[in-house]
Amino acid sequence: MKTNILILLLVSFLFSKESIQITRSVDKDDSSIVSATAIMYLDQNINTIFKKIVDFPNYHKTIDVIDKSEVYYQNNNTIKLKMTANILYMFDAVNHFSHQVNGDNHQITWTLDDKKDNVLEYAKGGWKLEKLSNKMTKVTYNNSIKTPSFMPLIISNYIIGKGVEDSTLWLMKDN
């Protein structure tokens, strides 16, 4: 997977202005919470990107690690989504996320829906899009998770790293 990402980044640098930078960290107060941030510069209109991101029912069609994505509640600004992801090809992880969508500012935040059963113990994150020009958009994605206590920290680090890659790199594809 790392080779694929390096090739994708190299191609994007050579043939377009698109790029991505991914950083990871461990919470200094709770080492079981791992975080990742991706900053992307995309040769795409901000509204086109935002429309892709809020197409929650089709995440399983665009993000490889997601097997199922089902909206189970929606009102003006809240969308609740049940997602089933395959973890390390060993088991399916079912989590329920509550998204707050602010279309006017091109921002989305999410947390786990605590009223539902989730594999993750903790998750929060968000998307923030900034219009740089009519065809250039800065996209910032961040995600923090706490995996179940039976998972070693090395697995949590892998999951957050793989998760941020899977959750962002699909935006660089022509859909």
C-alpha atoms as a PDB file:
ATOM      1  CA  MET A   1       0.000   0.000   0.000  1.00  0.00           C
ATOM      2  CA  LYS A   2       2.831   2.425   0.830  1.00  0.00           C
ATOM      3  CA  THR A   3       4.296   1.875  -2.637  1.00  0.00           C
ATOM      4  CA  ASN A   4       0.932   2.690  -4.228  1.00  0.00           C
ATOM      5  CA  ILE A   5       0.670   5.904  -2.215  1.00  0.00           C
ATOM      6  CA  LEU A   6       4.196   6.973  -3.140  1.00  0.00           C
ATOM      7  CA  ILE A   7       3.478   6.322  -6.815  1.00  0.00           C
ATOM      8  CA  LEU A   8       0.194   8.249  -6.589  1.00  0.00           C
ATOM      9  CA  LEU A   9       1.956  11.172  -4.923  1.00  0.00           C
ATOM     10  CA  LEU A  10       4.778  11.160  -7.468  1.00  0.00           C
ATOM     11  CA  VAL A  11       2.338  11.103 -10.380  1.00  0.00           C
ATOM     12  CA  SER A  12       0.253  13.877  -8.826  1.00  0.00           C
ATOM     13  CA  PHE A  13       3.338  16.055  -8.340  1.00  0.00           C
ATOM     14  CA  LEU A  14       4.505  15.503 -11.914  1.00  0.00           C
ATOM     15  CA  PHE A  15       1.203  15.952 -13.731  1.00  0.00           C
ATOM     16  CA  SER A  16      -0.899  18.266 -11.610  1.00  0.00           C
ATOM     17  CA  LYS A  17      -0.868  20.600  -8.660  1.00  0.00           C
ATOM     18  CA  GLU A  18      -2.599  18.010  -6.479  1.00  0.00           C
ATOM     19  CA  SER A  19      -0.743  16.855  -3.393  1.00  0.00           C
ATOM     20  CA  ILE A  20      -1.294  15.326   0.035  1.00  0.00           C
ATOM     21  CA  GLN A  21       0.572  15.400   3.328  1.00  0.00           C
ATOM     22  CA  ILE A  22      -0.363  12.934   6.090  1.00  0.00           C
ATOM     23  CA  THR A  23       0.780  13.174   9.715  1.00  0.00           C
ATOM     24  CA  ARG A  24       0.054  10.877  12.655  1.00  0.00           C
ATOM     25  CA  SER A  25       0.293  11.345  16.403  1.00  0.00           C
ATOM     26  CA  VAL A  26      -0.538   9.742  19.737  1.00  0.00           C
ATOM     27  CA  ASP A  27      -2.485  11.752  22.327  1.00  0.00           C
ATOM     28  CA  LYS A  28      -0.069  12.929  25.034  1.00  0.00           C
ATOM     29  CA  ASP A  29      -2.720  12.539  27.774  1.00  0.00           C
ATOM     30  CA  ASP A  30      -4.130   9.198  26.582  1.00  0.00           C
ATOM     31  CA  SER A  31      -1.712   7.088  24.551  1.00  0.00           C
ATOM     32  CA  SER A  32      -4.543   4.805  23.444  1.00  0.00           C
ATOM     33  CA  ILE A  33      -5.980   7.622  21.268  1.00  0.00           C
ATOM     34  CA  VAL A  34      -4.243   7.928  17.923  1.00  0.00           C
ATOM     35  CA  SER A  35      -4.826  10.730  15.452  1.00  0.00           C
ATOM     36  CA  ALA A  36      -4.068  11.505  11.848  1.00  0.00           C
ATOM     37  CA  THR A  37      -4.396  14.587   9.693  1.00  0.00           C
ATOM     38  CA  ALA A  38      -4.290  14.840   5.929  1.00  0.00           C
ATOM     39  CA  ILE A  39      -3.897  18.126   4.091  1.00  0.00           C
ATOM     40  CA  MET A  40      -4.646  17.970   0.390  1.00  0.00           C
ATOM     41  CA  TYR A  41      -4.486  20.510  -2.409  1.00  0.00           C
ATOM     42  CA  LEU A  42      -6.840  19.400  -5.182  1.00  0.00           C
ATOM     43  CA  ASP A  43      -7.339  20.684  -8.721  1.00  0.00           C
ATOM     44  CA  GLN A  44     -11.093  20.516  -8.192  1.00  0.00           C
ATOM     45  CA  ASN A  45     -13.908  22.930  -7.438  1.00  0.00           C
ATOM     46  CA  ILE A  46     -14.817  23.151  -3.732  1.00  0.00           C
ATOM     47  CA  ASN A  47     -18.493  22.317  -4.378  1.00  0.00           C
ATOM     48  CA  THR A  48     -17.587  19.226  -6.407  1.00  0.00           C
ATOM     49  CA  ILE A  49     -15.367  17.930  -3.593  1.00  0.00           C
ATOM     50  CA  PHE A  50     -17.932  18.693  -0.890  1.00  0.00           C
ATOM     51  CA  LYS A  51     -20.631  16.876  -2.868  1.00  0.00           C
ATOM     52  CA  LYS A  52     -18.386  13.772  -3.045  1.00  0.00           C
ATOM     53  CA  ILE A  53     -17.675  13.871   0.691  1.00  0.00           C
ATOM     54  CA  VAL A  54     -21.334  14.147   1.756  1.00  0.00           C
ATOM     55  CA  ASP A  55     -22.378  11.258  -0.505  1.00  0.00           C
ATOM     56  CA  PHE A  56     -22.416   9.021   2.582  1.00  0.00           C
ATOM     57  CA  PRO A  57     -24.635   6.235   1.177  1.00  0.00           C
ATOM     58  CA  ASN A  58     -22.038   5.561  -1.534  1.00  0.00           C
ATOM     59  CA  TYR A  59     -18.883   5.498   0.603  1.00  0.00           C
ATOM     60  CA  HIS A  60     -18.698   1.735   0.135  1.00  0.00           C
ATOM     61  CA  LYS A  61     -18.454   2.321  -3.630  1.00  0.00           C
ATOM     62  CA  THR A  62     -15.582   4.828  -3.402  1.00  0.00           C
ATOM     63  CA  ILE A  63     -13.579   3.881  -0.289  1.00  0.00           C
ATOM     64  CA  ASP A  64     -12.054   0.428  -0.627  1.00  0.00           C
ATOM     65  CA  VAL A  65     -11.951  -0.541   3.056  1.00  0.00           C
ATOM     66  CA  ILE A  66     -15.677   0.186   3.575  1.00  0.00           C
ATOM     67  CA  ASP A  67     -17.937  -2.769   2.806  1.00  0.00           C
ATOM     68  CA  LYS A  68     -21.256  -1.109   3.689  1.00  0.00           C
ATOM     69  CA  SER A  69     -22.435   2.449   4.337  1.00  0.00           C
ATOM     70  CA  GLU A  70     -26.013   3.098   5.346  1.00  0.00           C
ATOM     71  CA  VAL A  71     -27.657   6.350   6.413  1.00  0.00           C
ATOM     72  CA  TYR A  72     -30.050   5.532   9.270  1.00  0.00           C
ATOM     73  CA  TYR A  73     -31.021   9.069  10.304  1.00  0.00           C
ATOM     74  CA  GLN A  74     -30.992  12.455   8.599  1.00  0.00           C
ATOM     75  CA  ASN A  75     -32.333  15.919   9.342  1.00  0.00           C
ATOM     76  CA  ASN A  76     -31.235  19.432   8.323  1.00  0.00           C
ATOM     77  CA  ASN A  77     -27.599  19.248   9.396  1.00  0.00           C
ATOM     78  CA  THR A  78     -27.227  15.845  11.048  1.00  0.00           C
ATOM     79  CA  ILE A  79     -26.562  12.640   9.154  1.00  0.00           C
ATOM     80  CA  LYS A  80     -26.053   9.373  11.007  1.00  0.00           C
ATOM     81  CA  LEU A  81     -24.222   6.670   9.155  1.00  0.00           C
ATOM     82  CA  LYS A  82     -23.620   2.999   9.887  1.00  0.00           C
ATOM     83  CA  MET A  83     -20.330   1.901   8.360  1.00  0.00           C
ATOM     84  CA  THR A  84     -18.906  -1.573   8.120  1.00  0.00           C
ATOM     85  CA  ALA A  85     -15.174  -1.689   7.437  1.00  0.00           C
ATOM     86  CA  ASN A  86     -12.892  -4.656   6.969  1.00  0.00           C
ATOM     87  CA  ILE A  87      -9.970  -4.514   9.407  1.00  0.00           C
ATOM     88  CA  LEU A  88      -6.785  -6.274   8.317  1.00  0.00           C
ATOM     89  CA  TYR A  89      -8.905  -8.734   6.306  1.00  0.00           C
ATOM     90  CA  MET A  90      -9.701 -10.449   9.618  1.00  0.00           C
ATOM     91  CA  PHE A  91     -12.963  -8.996  10.886  1.00  0.00           C
ATOM     92  CA  ASP A  92     -15.656  -6.483  10.090  1.00  0.00           C
ATOM     93  CA  ALA A  93     -15.805  -3.397  12.277  1.00  0.00           C
ATOM     94  CA  VAL A  94     -19.276  -1.849  12.541  1.00  0.00           C
ATOM     95  CA  ASN A  95     -19.411   1.744  13.755  1.00  0.00           C
ATOM     96  CA  HIS A  96     -22.141   4.375  13.822  1.00  0.00           C
ATOM     97  CA  PHE A  97     -21.154   7.977  13.181  1.00  0.00           C
ATOM     98  CA  SER A  98     -23.090  11.178  13.739  1.00  0.00           C
ATOM     99  CA  HIS A  99     -22.043  13.821  11.190  1.00  0.00           C
ATOM    100  CA  GLN A 100     -22.726  17.533  11.555  1.00  0.00           C
ATOM    101  CA  VAL A 101     -22.753  19.058   8.083  1.00  0.00           C
ATOM    102  CA  ASN A 102     -22.213  22.786   7.549  1.00  0.00           C
ATOM    103  CA  GLY A 103     -22.631  23.237   3.813  1.00  0.00           C
ATOM    104  CA  ASP A 104     -22.293  27.022   3.903  1.00  0.00           C
ATOM    105  CA  ASN A 105     -18.757  26.742   5.299  1.00  0.00           C
ATOM    106  CA  HIS A 106     -17.865  23.430   3.596  1.00  0.00           C
ATOM    107  CA  GLN A 107     -17.205  21.721   6.924  1.00  0.00           C
ATOM    108  CA  ILE A 108     -18.209  18.382   8.426  1.00  0.00           C
ATOM    109  CA  THR A 109     -17.513  17.058  11.910  1.00  0.00           C
ATOM    110  CA  TRP A 110     -18.316  13.651  13.321  1.00  0.00           C
ATOM    111  CA  THR A 111     -18.312  11.597  16.490  1.00  0.00           C
ATOM    112  CA  LEU A 112     -19.444   8.103  17.326  1.00  0.00           C
ATOM    113  CA  ASP A 113     -23.171   7.717  17.896  1.00  0.00           C
ATOM    114  CA  ASP A 114     -23.020   6.548  21.527  1.00  0.00           C
ATOM    115  CA  LYS A 115     -26.611   5.297  21.377  1.00  0.00           C
ATOM    116  CA  LYS A 116     -25.454   2.479  19.084  1.00  0.00           C
ATOM    117  CA  ASP A 117     -22.963  -0.341  19.485  1.00  0.00           C
ATOM    118  CA  ASN A 118     -19.544   0.443  18.014  1.00  0.00           C
ATOM    119  CA  VAL A 119     -16.266  -1.425  17.690  1.00  0.00           C
ATOM    120  CA  LEU A 120     -14.303   1.772  18.269  1.00  0.00           C
ATOM    121  CA  GLU A 121     -14.336   3.118  21.812  1.00  0.00           C
ATOM    122  CA  TYR A 122     -13.851   6.713  20.656  1.00  0.00           C
ATOM    123  CA  ALA A 123     -13.810   8.548  17.348  1.00  0.00           C
ATOM    124  CA  LYS A 124     -14.065  12.142  16.271  1.00  0.00           C
ATOM    125  CA  GLY A 125     -12.914  14.058  13.274  1.00  0.00           C
ATOM    126  CA  GLY A 126     -13.806  16.366  10.486  1.00  0.00           C
ATOM    127  CA  TRP A 127     -13.382  17.783   7.019  1.00  0.00           C
ATOM    128  CA  LYS A 128     -12.657  21.426   6.268  1.00  0.00           C
ATOM    129  CA  LEU A 129     -12.532  22.714   2.704  1.00  0.00           C
ATOM    130  CA  GLU A 130     -11.058  26.068   1.699  1.00  0.00           C
ATOM    131  CA  LYS A 131     -11.528  27.600  -1.735  1.00  0.00           C
ATOM    132  CA  LEU A 132      -8.178  28.795  -3.073  1.00  0.00           C
ATOM    133  CA  SER A 133      -9.488  29.500  -6.582  1.00  0.00           C
ATOM    134  CA  ASN A 134     -12.345  28.280  -8.800  1.00  0.00           C
ATOM    135  CA  LYS A 135     -10.405  25.072  -9.508  1.00  0.00           C
ATOM    136  CA  MET A 136      -8.095  24.737  -6.492  1.00  0.00           C
ATOM    137  CA  THR A 137      -9.254  23.603  -3.050  1.00  0.00           C
ATOM    138  CA  LYS A 138      -7.403  22.954   0.197  1.00  0.00           C
ATOM    139  CA  VAL A 139      -8.910  19.971   2.006  1.00  0.00           C
ATOM    140  CA  THR A 140      -8.060  19.235   5.637  1.00  0.00           C
ATOM    141  CA  TYR A 141      -9.152  15.895   7.105  1.00  0.00           C
ATOM    142  CA  ASN A 142      -8.563  14.871  10.698  1.00  0.00           C
ATOM    143  CA  ASN A 143      -9.520  11.789  12.627  1.00  0.00           C
ATOM    144  CA  SER A 144      -8.859  10.550  16.176  1.00  0.00           C
ATOM    145  CA  ILE A 145      -9.756   7.050  17.312  1.00  0.00           C
ATOM    146  CA  LYS A 146      -9.453   4.739  20.258  1.00  0.00           C
ATOM    147  CA  THR A 147      -9.626   1.092  19.348  1.00  0.00           C
ATOM    148  CA  PRO A 148     -10.920  -1.585  21.730  1.00  0.00           C
ATOM    149  CA  SER A 149      -8.615  -2.307  24.649  1.00  0.00           C
ATOM    150  CA  PHE A 150      -7.814  -5.801  23.350  1.00  0.00           C
ATOM    151  CA  MET A 151      -6.036  -4.309  20.314  1.00  0.00           C
ATOM    152  CA  PRO A 152      -2.357  -3.437  20.721  1.00  0.00           C
ATOM    153  CA  LEU A 153      -1.291   0.163  20.023  1.00  0.00           C
ATOM    154  CA  ILE A 154       0.622  -0.942  16.925  1.00  0.00           C
ATOM    155  CA  ILE A 155      -2.685  -2.147  15.395  1.00  0.00           C
ATOM    156  CA  SER A 156      -4.372   1.158  16.341  1.00  0.00           C
ATOM    157  CA  ASN A 157      -1.568   3.054  14.614  1.00  0.00           C
ATOM    158  CA  TYR A 158      -1.957   0.906  11.513  1.00  0.00           C
ATOM    159  CA  ILE A 159      -5.741   1.384  11.480  1.00  0.00           C
ATOM    160  CA  ILE A 160      -5.538   5.184  11.790  1.00  0.00           C
ATOM    161  CA  GLY A 161      -2.851   5.383   9.118  1.00  0.00           C
ATOM    162  CA  LYS A 162      -4.679   3.106   6.714  1.00  0.00           C
ATOM    163  CA  GLY A 163      -7.955   4.822   7.587  1.00  0.00           C
ATOM    164  CA  VAL A 164      -6.732   8.320   6.781  1.00  0.00           C
ATOM    165  CA  GLU A 165      -5.250   7.111   3.490  1.00  0.00           C
ATOM    166  CA  ASP A 166      -8.431   5.267   2.493  1.00  0.00           C
ATOM    167  CA  SER A 167     -10.604   8.168   3.645  1.00  0.00           C
ATOM    168  CA  THR A 168      -8.812  10.797   1.580  1.00  0.00           C
ATOM    169  CA  LEU A 169      -6.917   9.447  -1.421  1.00  0.00           C
ATOM    170  CA  TRP A 170     -10.135   8.535  -3.260  1.00  0.00           C
ATOM    171  CA  LEU A 171     -10.794  12.279  -3.652  1.00  0.00           C
ATOM    172  CA  MET A 172      -7.759  12.495  -5.937  1.00  0.00           C
ATOM    173  CA  LYS A 173      -9.349  10.061  -8.378  1.00  0.00           C
ATOM    174  CA  ASP A 174     -11.569  11.225 -11.203  1.00  0.00           C
ATOM    175  CA  ASN A 175     -14.996   9.947 -10.131  1.00  0.00           C
END
